[in-house]
Amino acid sequence: MSAQLACLASDVPVAGTLRVELEAETGTVEVAVVRDEDGELHAISDICSHGAVSLSDGEVEGCTVECWLHGSRFDLRTGKPLSPPAVRPVPVYPVTVDGERVLVDVDAPL
């Protein structure tokens, strides 16, 4: 599988998130499409590696998203946790913007 339509760019607010479900070779993948404070779009697993809750319900600050349950922050570019209690990274997926269309490849995590 390759990049697929996740949403329209206008669906994702600045410093905000949008939860989408995409089909991968291994099944359905929950993805948070995130627009950072600079307006850049990112795609990251929607599931926190610590608490198994939705990251798309968290707050965006700079180029990070904070898990709403326990406060772990994840770098949107690498998926690495920047604060405890999370210690494991979350998958980050390639994003291509084609006009208004946001394409995400969940089969090729970065």
N, C-alpha and C. Protein backbone atom coordinates (compact mmCIF):
# COMPACT_ATOMS: atom_id res chain seq x y z
N MET A 1 0.85 -1.17 0.00
CA MET A 1 0.00 0.00 0.00
C MET A 1 0.90 1.23 0.00
N SER A 2 0.37 2.34 -0.43
CA SER A 2 1.15 3.57 -0.44
C SER A 2 0.35 4.67 0.25
N ALA A 3 0.81 5.90 0.07
CA ALA A 3 0.13 7.03 0.72
C ALA A 3 -1.34 7.07 0.32
N GLN A 4 -2.17 7.37 1.29
CA GLN A 4 -3.62 7.44 1.05
C GLN A 4 -4.18 8.72 1.65
N LEU A 5 -5.32 9.11 1.14
CA LEU A 5 -5.97 10.33 1.62
C LEU A 5 -6.37 10.16 3.08
N ALA A 6 -5.85 11.06 3.93
CA ALA A 6 -6.20 11.04 5.34
C ALA A 6 -7.27 12.08 5.64
N CYS A 7 -7.13 13.28 5.03
CA CYS A 7 -8.06 14.37 5.29
C CYS A 7 -7.73 15.51 4.35
N LEU A 8 -8.44 16.60 4.50
CA LEU A 8 -8.10 17.83 3.80
C LEU A 8 -7.31 18.71 4.75
N ALA A 9 -6.38 19.47 4.23
CA ALA A 9 -5.55 20.32 5.08
C ALA A 9 -6.40 21.27 5.91
N SER A 10 -7.48 21.76 5.33
CA SER A 10 -8.34 22.70 6.06
C SER A 10 -9.10 22.05 7.22
N ASP A 11 -9.09 20.72 7.29
CA ASP A 11 -9.75 20.00 8.39
C ASP A 11 -8.93 20.03 9.68
N VAL A 12 -7.64 20.38 9.57
CA VAL A 12 -6.74 20.32 10.72
C VAL A 12 -6.44 21.74 11.20
N PRO A 13 -6.88 22.10 12.39
CA PRO A 13 -6.64 23.47 12.88
C PRO A 13 -5.17 23.70 13.22
N VAL A 14 -4.75 24.96 13.17
CA VAL A 14 -3.39 25.31 13.60
C VAL A 14 -3.26 24.98 15.08
N ALA A 15 -2.13 24.34 15.42
CA ALA A 15 -1.89 23.87 16.79
C ALA A 15 -3.03 22.96 17.24
N GLY A 16 -3.45 22.09 16.31
CA GLY A 16 -4.55 21.18 16.61
C GLY A 16 -4.37 19.82 15.95
N THR A 17 -5.32 18.94 16.21
CA THR A 17 -5.23 17.56 15.74
C THR A 17 -6.53 17.10 15.09
N LEU A 18 -6.41 16.05 14.32
CA LEU A 18 -7.57 15.38 13.74
C LEU A 18 -7.30 13.89 13.75
N ARG A 19 -8.18 13.13 14.36
CA ARG A 19 -8.03 11.66 14.41
C ARG A 19 -8.63 11.06 13.14
N VAL A 20 -7.86 10.16 12.50
CA VAL A 20 -8.34 9.44 11.33
C VAL A 20 -7.97 7.97 11.46
N GLU A 21 -8.70 7.13 10.77
CA GLU A 21 -8.38 5.71 10.69
C GLU A 21 -8.02 5.40 9.25
N LEU A 22 -6.85 4.78 9.07
CA LEU A 22 -6.37 4.44 7.73
C LEU A 22 -6.12 2.95 7.65
N GLU A 23 -6.18 2.42 6.44
CA GLU A 23 -5.95 0.99 6.24
C GLU A 23 -4.50 0.73 5.88
N ALA A 24 -3.86 -0.16 6.64
CA ALA A 24 -2.49 -0.58 6.39
C ALA A 24 -2.51 -2.04 5.95
N GLU A 25 -1.37 -2.53 5.53
CA GLU A 25 -1.27 -3.94 5.16
C GLU A 25 -1.63 -4.85 6.33
N THR A 26 -1.42 -4.36 7.55
CA THR A 26 -1.68 -5.15 8.75
C THR A 26 -3.05 -4.89 9.37
N GLY A 27 -3.84 -4.00 8.77
CA GLY A 27 -5.16 -3.69 9.31
C GLY A 27 -5.34 -2.20 9.52
N THR A 28 -6.32 -1.84 10.32
CA THR A 28 -6.65 -0.43 10.56
C THR A 28 -5.63 0.20 11.51
N VAL A 29 -5.20 1.42 11.17
CA VAL A 29 -4.25 2.16 11.99
C VAL A 29 -4.90 3.48 12.39
N GLU A 30 -4.87 3.79 13.69
CA GLU A 30 -5.39 5.06 14.20
C GLU A 30 -4.26 6.09 14.14
N VAL A 31 -4.52 7.19 13.44
CA VAL A 31 -3.51 8.21 13.20
C VAL A 31 -4.01 9.56 13.67
N ALA A 32 -3.12 10.34 14.29
CA ALA A 32 -3.41 11.74 14.61
C ALA A 32 -2.70 12.59 13.57
N VAL A 33 -3.47 13.30 12.76
CA VAL A 33 -2.89 14.27 11.84
C VAL A 33 -2.83 15.57 12.63
N VAL A 34 -1.63 16.14 12.73
CA VAL A 34 -1.40 17.28 13.62
C VAL A 34 -0.80 18.44 12.84
N ARG A 35 -1.32 19.63 13.07
CA ARG A 35 -0.72 20.84 12.52
C ARG A 35 -0.02 21.54 13.69
N ASP A 36 1.30 21.69 13.56
CA ASP A 36 2.04 22.33 14.65
C ASP A 36 1.81 23.84 14.62
N GLU A 37 2.40 24.54 15.57
CA GLU A 37 2.19 25.99 15.69
C GLU A 37 2.74 26.78 14.50
N ASP A 38 3.67 26.16 13.73
CA ASP A 38 4.22 26.82 12.53
C ASP A 38 3.39 26.50 11.29
N GLY A 39 2.35 25.67 11.44
CA GLY A 39 1.48 25.33 10.32
C GLY A 39 1.86 24.08 9.58
N GLU A 40 2.95 23.40 9.98
CA GLU A 40 3.39 22.18 9.30
C GLU A 40 2.53 21.00 9.75
N LEU A 41 2.21 20.11 8.79
CA LEU A 41 1.40 18.94 9.09
C LEU A 41 2.27 17.72 9.39
N HIS A 42 1.83 16.92 10.35
CA HIS A 42 2.52 15.71 10.77
C HIS A 42 1.49 14.60 10.93
N ALA A 43 1.95 13.36 10.84
CA ALA A 43 1.09 12.20 11.12
C ALA A 43 1.82 11.31 12.11
N ILE A 44 1.15 11.02 13.21
CA ILE A 44 1.75 10.25 14.31
C ILE A 44 0.70 9.25 14.79
N SER A 45 1.16 8.15 15.33
CA SER A 45 0.19 7.19 15.89
C SER A 45 -0.71 7.92 16.87
N ASP A 46 -1.99 7.61 16.84
CA ASP A 46 -2.92 8.26 17.74
C ASP A 46 -2.91 7.64 19.13
N ILE A 47 -2.16 6.55 19.30
CA ILE A 47 -2.19 5.83 20.56
C ILE A 47 -0.92 6.08 21.37
N CYS A 48 -1.07 6.66 22.55
CA CYS A 48 0.07 6.93 23.43
C CYS A 48 0.75 5.61 23.80
N SER A 49 2.08 5.61 23.77
CA SER A 49 2.83 4.39 24.09
C SER A 49 2.82 4.07 25.58
N HIS A 50 2.38 4.99 26.41
CA HIS A 50 2.33 4.75 27.85
C HIS A 50 0.93 4.35 28.32
N GLY A 51 -0.06 5.16 27.99
CA GLY A 51 -1.38 4.94 28.55
C GLY A 51 -2.41 4.39 27.60
N ALA A 52 -2.02 4.13 26.32
CA ALA A 52 -2.93 3.59 25.32
C ALA A 52 -4.21 4.41 25.19
N VAL A 53 -4.06 5.75 25.20
CA VAL A 53 -5.18 6.65 24.98
C VAL A 53 -4.89 7.51 23.75
N SER A 54 -5.90 8.19 23.28
CA SER A 54 -5.80 8.96 22.04
C SER A 54 -4.97 10.23 22.20
N LEU A 55 -3.88 10.34 21.42
CA LEU A 55 -3.07 11.55 21.43
C LEU A 55 -3.78 12.71 20.75
N SER A 56 -4.74 12.41 19.87
CA SER A 56 -5.45 13.49 19.18
C SER A 56 -6.33 14.30 20.14
N ASP A 57 -6.51 13.80 21.37
CA ASP A 57 -7.23 14.56 22.39
C ASP A 57 -6.30 15.45 23.20
N GLY A 58 -5.00 15.39 22.89
CA GLY A 58 -4.01 16.16 23.63
C GLY A 58 -3.80 17.55 23.06
N GLU A 59 -2.93 18.30 23.71
CA GLU A 59 -2.64 19.67 23.29
C GLU A 59 -1.34 19.72 22.49
N VAL A 60 -1.34 20.58 21.47
CA VAL A 60 -0.17 20.78 20.63
C VAL A 60 0.55 22.03 21.12
N GLU A 61 1.86 21.89 21.30
CA GLU A 61 2.70 23.03 21.68
C GLU A 61 3.99 22.92 20.89
N GLY A 62 4.29 23.95 20.11
CA GLY A 62 5.47 23.89 19.26
C GLY A 62 5.34 22.73 18.29
N CYS A 63 6.32 21.83 18.33
CA CYS A 63 6.29 20.64 17.47
C CYS A 63 6.11 19.38 18.31
N THR A 64 5.25 19.50 19.35
CA THR A 64 4.97 18.36 20.23
C THR A 64 3.47 18.23 20.45
N VAL A 65 3.09 17.02 20.86
CA VAL A 65 1.72 16.79 21.30
C VAL A 65 1.80 16.16 22.69
N GLU A 66 0.92 16.61 23.57
CA GLU A 66 0.91 16.12 24.94
C GLU A 66 -0.24 15.14 25.13
N CYS A 67 0.06 14.00 25.72
CA CYS A 67 -0.99 13.04 26.08
C CYS A 67 -1.84 13.64 27.20
N TRP A 68 -3.14 13.66 27.00
CA TRP A 68 -4.04 14.30 27.96
C TRP A 68 -4.13 13.55 29.28
N LEU A 69 -3.80 12.24 29.29
CA LEU A 69 -4.01 11.45 30.50
C LEU A 69 -2.89 11.61 31.53
N HIS A 70 -1.64 11.45 31.10
CA HIS A 70 -0.53 11.51 32.06
C HIS A 70 0.50 12.58 31.74
N GLY A 71 0.32 13.34 30.66
CA GLY A 71 1.20 14.47 30.40
C GLY A 71 2.46 14.20 29.61
N SER A 72 2.66 12.99 29.10
CA SER A 72 3.84 12.74 28.28
C SER A 72 3.76 13.58 27.01
N ARG A 73 4.90 14.14 26.60
CA ARG A 73 4.99 14.91 25.35
C ARG A 73 5.76 14.10 24.34
N PHE A 74 5.29 14.13 23.08
CA PHE A 74 5.94 13.42 21.98
C PHE A 74 6.35 14.39 20.90
N ASP A 75 7.57 14.21 20.36
CA ASP A 75 8.05 15.02 19.25
C ASP A 75 7.30 14.57 17.99
N LEU A 76 6.67 15.51 17.30
CA LEU A 76 5.87 15.18 16.11
C LEU A 76 6.73 14.72 14.94
N ARG A 77 8.02 15.06 14.94
CA ARG A 77 8.91 14.69 13.83
C ARG A 77 9.50 13.30 14.01
N THR A 78 9.71 12.89 15.27
CA THR A 78 10.40 11.62 15.52
C THR A 78 9.56 10.60 16.27
N GLY A 79 8.52 11.06 16.97
CA GLY A 79 7.71 10.18 17.80
C GLY A 79 8.32 9.90 19.16
N LYS A 80 9.51 10.44 19.43
CA LYS A 80 10.19 10.18 20.70
C LYS A 80 9.49 10.90 21.84
N PRO A 81 9.39 10.22 23.00
CA PRO A 81 8.83 10.88 24.17
C PRO A 81 9.82 11.89 24.72
N LEU A 82 9.33 13.06 25.09
CA LEU A 82 10.18 14.11 25.62
C LEU A 82 10.01 14.31 27.11
N SER A 83 9.00 13.65 27.68
CA SER A 83 8.76 13.74 29.11
C SER A 83 8.10 12.47 29.60
N PRO A 84 8.37 12.08 30.85
CA PRO A 84 7.75 10.88 31.41
C PRO A 84 6.27 11.11 31.65
N PRO A 85 5.53 10.06 31.83
CA PRO A 85 5.98 8.71 32.10
C PRO A 85 6.28 7.87 30.86
N ALA A 86 5.96 8.31 29.65
CA ALA A 86 6.24 7.51 28.45
C ALA A 86 7.75 7.40 28.24
N VAL A 87 8.19 6.21 27.86
CA VAL A 87 9.60 5.99 27.56
C VAL A 87 9.79 5.40 26.15
N ARG A 88 8.71 4.91 25.57
CA ARG A 88 8.78 4.33 24.22
C ARG A 88 8.22 5.32 23.20
N PRO A 89 8.87 5.41 22.03
CA PRO A 89 8.36 6.30 20.98
C PRO A 89 7.07 5.75 20.37
N VAL A 90 6.36 6.61 19.65
CA VAL A 90 5.20 6.21 18.87
C VAL A 90 5.55 6.35 17.40
N PRO A 91 4.95 5.54 16.53
CA PRO A 91 5.26 5.65 15.11
C PRO A 91 4.88 7.01 14.52
N VAL A 92 5.71 7.47 13.60
CA VAL A 92 5.48 8.69 12.83
C VAL A 92 5.42 8.27 11.37
N TYR A 93 4.50 8.84 10.61
CA TYR A 93 4.28 8.43 9.23
C TYR A 93 4.56 9.57 8.26
N PRO A 94 5.06 9.23 7.06
CA PRO A 94 5.31 10.26 6.06
C PRO A 94 4.02 10.95 5.63
N VAL A 95 4.09 12.28 5.47
CA VAL A 95 2.95 13.09 5.04
C VAL A 95 3.33 13.79 3.74
N THR A 96 2.40 13.76 2.79
CA THR A 96 2.54 14.51 1.55
C THR A 96 1.30 15.37 1.42
N VAL A 97 1.49 16.65 1.14
CA VAL A 97 0.36 17.54 0.92
C VAL A 97 0.28 17.81 -0.58
N ASP A 98 -0.84 17.44 -1.17
CA ASP A 98 -1.09 17.62 -2.60
C ASP A 98 -2.27 18.56 -2.75
N GLY A 99 -1.95 19.86 -2.89
CA GLY A 99 -3.02 20.85 -2.89
C GLY A 99 -3.65 20.90 -1.52
N GLU A 100 -4.91 20.55 -1.44
CA GLU A 100 -5.65 20.53 -0.17
C GLU A 100 -5.64 19.13 0.46
N ARG A 101 -5.23 18.13 -0.31
CA ARG A 101 -5.27 16.74 0.16
C ARG A 101 -4.05 16.40 1.00
N VAL A 102 -4.28 15.78 2.15
CA VAL A 102 -3.21 15.32 3.04
C VAL A 102 -3.13 13.81 2.88
N LEU A 103 -1.99 13.34 2.37
CA LEU A 103 -1.77 11.93 2.13
C LEU A 103 -0.79 11.39 3.18
N VAL A 104 -1.10 10.22 3.73
CA VAL A 104 -0.28 9.60 4.78
C VAL A 104 0.01 8.15 4.37
N ASP A 105 1.26 7.73 4.55
CA ASP A 105 1.66 6.35 4.25
C ASP A 105 1.89 5.61 5.56
N VAL A 106 0.89 4.85 6.01
CA VAL A 106 1.00 4.14 7.29
C VAL A 106 1.81 2.85 7.17
N ASP A 107 2.15 2.46 5.94
CA ASP A 107 2.96 1.25 5.75
C ASP A 107 4.45 1.55 5.72
N ALA A 108 4.82 2.82 5.83
CA ALA A 108 6.23 3.21 5.78
C ALA A 108 6.57 4.17 6.91
N PRO A 109 6.45 3.72 8.18
CA PRO A 109 6.77 4.62 9.29
C PRO A 109 8.20 5.14 9.19
N LEU A 110 8.40 6.36 9.65
CA LEU A 110 9.74 6.97 9.61
C LEU A 110 10.62 6.44 10.72
